[in-house]
Amino acid sequence: MFRSKYLLSLLVLAACLVVFSSAALSKDNKKKVATVEKGKKVSIEYTLKLEDGTTIDSNVGGKPFTYVQGSHQIVEGLEEALSGMKVGDTKHVVVPPEKGYGKINEKAFIEIDKSRVPKDVKVGSMLKGTSKDGRDFYVKVAEIKDKTVVLDLNHPLAGKTLYFDVKILDIE
């Protein structure tokens, strides 16, 4: 009689341990299977390249890049591609200009007097300017004429297809 009560108590205790430990594991697993979704803080490691293979930017081996999914802190095409990924996932993402920095806007070219730029400027040179509100910006010299210079005000990556290699490091 004592022995059967003892065994029954042990079985009840074992059953309780199984229930509680599986509940705890279930909570841990929910954290581990978090996915990239709107409002989540996401940390990534990435390399950005152009079509010719030129590396434009990378944080591999450095500090993770952190952003909030759905807040438009990264280019649209990359944000869309990362949706649904989990910690540890990697992906190669190709972002067309329309979902990156846009197509080249022909209206974003201005012609200014040559005297307003350094004398040794060359086509392709990047010039730094300051906006009326004090922020720095850069323009590219697109063409040099006899008396004027044509400046390209487009983003330097406008019109470019972007190639990202991304790894999800953390999701909060």
Protein backbone atom coordinates (compact mmCIF):
# COMPACT_ATOMS: atom_id res chain seq x y z
CA MET A 1 0.00 0.00 0.00
CA PHE A 2 2.74 2.43 1.00
CA ARG A 3 4.73 1.40 -2.03
CA SER A 4 1.86 2.03 -4.48
CA LYS A 5 1.18 5.48 -2.94
CA TYR A 6 4.88 6.25 -3.24
CA LEU A 7 4.94 5.17 -6.90
CA LEU A 8 1.77 7.13 -7.61
CA SER A 9 3.31 10.24 -6.02
CA LEU A 10 6.43 9.81 -8.14
CA LEU A 11 4.33 9.45 -11.29
CA VAL A 12 2.35 12.61 -10.47
CA LEU A 13 5.58 14.49 -9.76
CA ALA A 14 7.12 13.27 -13.03
CA ALA A 15 3.99 14.28 -14.96
CA CYS A 16 4.12 17.77 -13.41
CA LEU A 17 7.79 18.11 -14.33
CA VAL A 18 7.05 17.12 -17.93
CA VAL A 19 4.19 19.64 -18.17
CA PHE A 20 6.19 22.51 -16.65
CA SER A 21 9.37 21.81 -18.58
CA SER A 22 7.53 21.57 -21.89
CA ALA A 23 5.78 24.87 -21.13
CA ALA A 24 9.15 26.48 -20.39
CA LEU A 25 10.68 25.02 -23.55
CA SER A 26 7.69 26.23 -25.52
CA LYS A 27 8.30 29.80 -24.30
CA ASP A 28 12.01 29.56 -25.18
CA ASN A 29 11.17 28.19 -28.63
CA LYS A 30 8.82 31.10 -29.28
CA LYS A 31 11.73 33.48 -28.70
CA LYS A 32 13.98 31.46 -31.00
CA VAL A 33 11.46 31.36 -33.85
CA ALA A 34 10.72 35.08 -33.85
CA THR A 35 10.39 36.33 -37.40
CA VAL A 36 11.11 39.65 -39.04
CA GLU A 37 7.80 41.50 -39.05
CA LYS A 38 6.48 45.04 -38.79
CA GLY A 39 7.53 46.79 -35.59
CA LYS A 40 10.32 44.33 -34.71
CA LYS A 41 13.83 45.61 -34.02
CA VAL A 42 16.11 43.65 -36.36
CA SER A 43 19.91 43.38 -36.32
CA ILE A 44 21.61 42.26 -39.51
CA GLU A 45 25.00 41.64 -41.02
CA TYR A 46 25.16 42.60 -44.69
CA THR A 47 27.28 43.23 -47.74
CA LEU A 48 26.03 45.49 -50.54
CA LYS A 49 27.44 45.09 -54.04
CA LEU A 50 26.73 46.48 -57.49
CA GLU A 51 26.17 44.45 -60.65
CA ASP A 52 29.89 44.47 -61.49
CA GLY A 53 30.70 42.95 -58.07
CA THR A 54 32.04 46.17 -56.54
CA THR A 55 31.42 46.18 -52.78
CA ILE A 56 29.71 49.43 -51.83
CA ASP A 57 29.19 48.78 -48.12
CA SER A 58 29.57 45.98 -45.57
CA ASN A 59 29.41 45.55 -41.83
CA VAL A 60 30.63 41.93 -41.82
CA GLY A 61 32.98 41.52 -38.87
CA GLY A 62 31.87 44.87 -37.45
CA LYS A 63 28.93 46.29 -35.55
CA PRO A 64 25.51 44.89 -36.57
CA PHE A 65 23.15 47.23 -38.41
CA THR A 66 19.88 47.60 -36.48
CA TYR A 67 16.59 48.94 -37.83
CA VAL A 68 12.85 48.67 -37.14
CA GLN A 69 11.00 46.59 -39.74
CA GLY A 70 8.27 48.55 -41.52
CA SER A 71 9.65 51.97 -40.56
CA HIS A 72 11.28 52.64 -43.97
CA GLN A 73 14.78 52.92 -42.49
CA ILE A 74 16.16 50.68 -45.24
CA VAL A 75 15.37 50.48 -48.96
CA GLU A 76 11.94 49.07 -49.74
CA GLY A 77 13.14 46.02 -51.69
CA LEU A 78 15.42 44.86 -48.89
CA GLU A 79 12.78 45.42 -46.23
CA GLU A 80 10.28 43.34 -48.22
CA ALA A 81 12.79 40.53 -48.77
CA LEU A 82 13.71 40.27 -45.07
CA SER A 83 10.09 39.92 -43.94
CA GLY A 84 9.46 36.49 -42.45
CA MET A 85 13.12 35.59 -41.95
CA LYS A 86 14.37 34.17 -38.63
CA VAL A 87 17.55 34.59 -36.57
CA GLY A 88 20.39 32.81 -38.34
CA ASP A 89 18.73 32.92 -41.77
CA THR A 90 20.80 34.20 -44.69
CA LYS A 91 19.60 35.48 -48.03
CA HIS A 92 20.91 36.93 -51.29
CA VAL A 93 18.60 39.81 -52.23
CA VAL A 94 18.50 41.60 -55.59
CA VAL A 95 16.84 45.03 -55.35
CA PRO A 96 15.87 46.78 -58.61
CA PRO A 97 16.23 50.59 -58.80
CA GLU A 98 12.47 51.10 -58.34
CA LYS A 99 12.66 49.45 -54.91
CA GLY A 100 16.09 50.85 -54.05
CA TYR A 101 17.13 54.46 -54.57
CA GLY A 102 14.86 55.02 -57.56
CA LYS A 103 15.42 55.46 -61.25
CA ILE A 104 17.57 58.33 -62.47
CA ASN A 105 15.46 61.49 -62.49
CA GLU A 106 16.38 63.59 -65.53
CA LYS A 107 14.95 66.66 -63.76
CA ALA A 108 17.60 66.27 -61.04
CA PHE A 109 20.35 67.67 -63.29
CA ILE A 110 21.18 71.36 -62.99
CA GLU A 111 23.54 73.55 -64.95
CA ILE A 112 25.59 76.14 -63.08
CA ASP A 113 28.29 78.63 -63.99
CA LYS A 114 31.74 77.06 -64.16
CA SER A 115 33.12 79.71 -61.80
CA ARG A 116 31.09 78.15 -58.94
CA VAL A 117 33.11 74.91 -58.90
CA PRO A 118 36.83 74.20 -58.33
CA LYS A 119 38.97 74.70 -61.45
CA ASP A 120 40.39 71.16 -61.37
CA VAL A 121 36.96 69.45 -61.24
CA LYS A 122 36.48 66.45 -63.53
CA VAL A 123 33.45 64.53 -64.81
CA GLY A 124 32.51 62.01 -62.11
CA SER A 125 33.88 64.15 -59.25
CA MET A 126 31.72 64.43 -56.15
CA LEU A 127 31.24 67.94 -54.78
CA LYS A 128 30.05 68.75 -51.27
CA GLY A 129 27.45 71.43 -50.72
CA THR A 130 25.45 72.76 -47.79
CA SER A 131 21.68 73.19 -47.88
CA LYS A 132 19.85 76.26 -46.58
CA ASP A 133 19.13 74.40 -43.34
CA GLY A 134 22.83 73.61 -42.83
CA ARG A 135 22.89 69.96 -43.90
CA ASP A 136 25.70 68.66 -46.08
CA PHE A 137 24.89 67.01 -49.41
CA TYR A 138 26.87 65.70 -52.36
CA VAL A 139 26.42 66.14 -56.09
CA LYS A 140 28.16 64.46 -58.98
CA VAL A 141 29.72 66.37 -61.87
CA ALA A 142 27.91 64.93 -64.91
CA GLU A 143 29.28 67.14 -67.68
CA ILE A 144 31.69 70.04 -68.17
CA LYS A 145 30.87 72.57 -70.88
CA ASP A 146 32.70 75.72 -72.01
CA LYS A 147 31.08 78.06 -69.47
CA THR A 148 28.94 75.78 -67.34
CA VAL A 149 29.00 72.54 -65.38
CA VAL A 150 26.10 70.06 -65.24
CA LEU A 151 25.53 68.60 -61.77
CA ASP A 152 23.63 65.38 -61.02
CA LEU A 153 21.56 65.72 -57.84
CA ASN A 154 20.31 62.11 -57.91
CA HIS A 155 21.31 59.74 -55.11
CA PRO A 156 24.63 58.11 -56.08
CA LEU A 157 22.90 54.70 -56.19
CA ALA A 158 19.88 55.89 -58.21
CA GLY A 159 19.37 53.75 -61.29
CA LYS A 160 21.49 50.91 -59.86
CA THR A 161 20.43 47.35 -59.10
CA LEU A 162 21.59 46.49 -55.57
CA TYR A 163 22.87 43.07 -54.50
CA PHE A 164 22.68 42.33 -50.78
CA ASP A 165 23.96 39.32 -48.86
CA VAL A 166 22.21 39.45 -45.50
CA LYS A 167 22.23 37.43 -42.28
CA ILE A 168 19.65 37.98 -39.52
CA LEU A 169 21.54 38.28 -36.21
CA ASP A 170 18.80 39.24 -33.76
CA ILE A 171 15.08 40.06 -33.61
CA GLU A 172 13.46 41.84 -30.65
